[in-house]
Amino acid sequence: MPTANHQHLLLWMRFAIVWVVQLIGNILPWAQNIVAIAVMAAVLLQQSDEALSSAFGGSGSGVWRTKRGLEKTLFVLTISLAVIFILLAVLNLFITS
């Protein structure tokens, strides 16, 4: 049988867990919005020579090249932000339900 100290500790642990879940529930939508805006900015900043040439009737150069420097960093950042956004969405699903 739990003693009074154990019951008191369990009550405080429950209170702490509820408080943390509510705090995360309040912060999570803001974090999702910030990451969503960052994903959109990263996607829009990426260069696409293919899209530009096809807009003017061209078929594109057809040459494959490797991403280097800032272009590669932006590519990796975009993927990372998308993964973070998906993880936040799943966490939000579990927190709010």
Protein backbone atom coordinates (compact mmCIF):
# COMPACT_ATOMS: atom_id res chain seq x y z
CA MET A 1 0.00 0.00 0.00
CA PRO A 2 1.44 3.39 -1.00
CA THR A 3 2.30 5.74 1.77
CA ALA A 4 1.19 9.36 1.97
CA ASN A 5 4.57 10.48 0.56
CA HIS A 6 4.17 8.20 -2.45
CA GLN A 7 0.65 9.46 -3.11
CA HIS A 8 1.88 13.04 -2.84
CA LEU A 9 4.72 12.30 -5.28
CA LEU A 10 2.35 10.62 -7.75
CA LEU A 11 0.02 13.60 -7.59
CA TRP A 12 2.87 16.00 -8.38
CA MET A 13 4.09 13.76 -11.21
CA ARG A 14 0.61 13.74 -12.75
CA PHE A 15 0.41 17.51 -12.41
CA ALA A 16 3.82 17.92 -14.07
CA ILE A 17 2.91 15.64 -16.98
CA VAL A 18 -0.37 17.45 -17.61
CA TRP A 19 1.41 20.81 -17.44
CA VAL A 20 4.09 19.72 -19.92
CA VAL A 21 1.51 18.32 -22.36
CA GLN A 22 -0.49 21.55 -22.20
CA LEU A 23 2.65 23.61 -22.72
CA ILE A 24 3.65 21.53 -25.75
CA GLY A 25 0.09 21.79 -27.06
CA ASN A 26 0.30 25.59 -26.88
CA ILE A 27 3.77 25.86 -28.47
CA LEU A 28 3.33 23.22 -31.18
CA PRO A 29 1.06 25.20 -33.57
CA TRP A 30 3.49 28.12 -33.50
CA ALA A 31 6.42 25.82 -34.22
CA GLN A 32 4.51 24.22 -37.10
CA ASN A 33 3.73 27.61 -38.63
CA ILE A 34 7.34 28.77 -38.39
CA VAL A 35 8.64 25.55 -39.95
CA ALA A 36 5.98 25.69 -42.69
CA ILE A 37 7.05 29.22 -43.64
CA ALA A 38 10.70 28.14 -43.62
CA VAL A 39 9.91 25.17 -45.91
CA MET A 40 8.09 27.46 -48.34
CA ALA A 41 10.97 29.93 -48.36
CA ALA A 42 13.53 27.17 -48.90
CA VAL A 43 11.55 25.72 -51.81
CA LEU A 44 11.12 29.12 -53.43
CA LEU A 45 14.82 29.94 -53.07
CA GLN A 46 15.92 26.86 -54.98
CA GLN A 47 16.92 27.48 -58.58
CA SER A 48 15.38 25.46 -61.35
CA ASP A 49 16.92 26.03 -64.77
CA GLU A 50 14.63 23.36 -66.25
CA ALA A 51 11.46 25.18 -65.24
CA LEU A 52 12.70 28.49 -66.61
CA SER A 53 13.66 27.07 -70.01
CA SER A 54 10.42 25.12 -70.38
CA ALA A 55 8.44 28.27 -69.58
CA PHE A 56 9.86 29.85 -72.74
CA GLY A 57 9.26 26.83 -74.96
CA GLY A 58 12.59 25.11 -74.50
CA SER A 59 12.99 21.46 -73.66
CA GLY A 60 15.71 21.98 -71.06
CA SER A 61 19.39 21.28 -71.34
CA GLY A 62 19.17 17.62 -70.36
CA VAL A 63 22.52 17.88 -68.59
CA TRP A 64 22.71 16.45 -65.10
CA ARG A 65 24.99 18.19 -62.69
CA THR A 66 25.76 17.80 -59.00
CA LYS A 67 24.62 20.28 -56.43
CA ARG A 68 27.47 22.13 -54.76
CA GLY A 69 27.94 24.78 -52.12
CA LEU A 70 24.92 26.85 -51.20
CA GLU A 71 22.66 24.95 -53.60
CA LYS A 72 23.41 21.64 -51.85
CA THR A 73 23.03 23.22 -48.41
CA LEU A 74 19.64 24.66 -49.37
CA PHE A 75 18.58 21.27 -50.78
CA VAL A 76 19.51 19.44 -47.57
CA LEU A 77 17.90 22.20 -45.46
CA THR A 78 14.65 21.87 -47.41
CA ILE A 79 14.50 18.12 -46.84
CA SER A 80 15.37 18.53 -43.15
CA LEU A 81 12.68 21.16 -42.64
CA ALA A 82 10.11 18.98 -44.39
CA VAL A 83 10.96 16.05 -42.09
CA ILE A 84 10.73 18.31 -39.03
CA PHE A 85 7.35 19.58 -40.23
CA ILE A 86 6.03 16.03 -40.62
CA LEU A 87 7.30 15.06 -37.15
CA LEU A 88 5.64 18.12 -35.63
CA ALA A 89 2.38 17.28 -37.40
CA VAL A 90 2.43 13.71 -36.06
CA LEU A 91 3.30 14.96 -32.56
CA ASN A 92 0.45 17.45 -32.78
CA LEU A 93 -1.88 14.63 -33.77
CA PHE A 94 -0.97 12.64 -30.66
CA ILE A 95 -0.95 15.61 -28.28
CA THR A 96 -4.36 16.96 -29.31
CA SER A 97 -6.19 13.64 -29.41
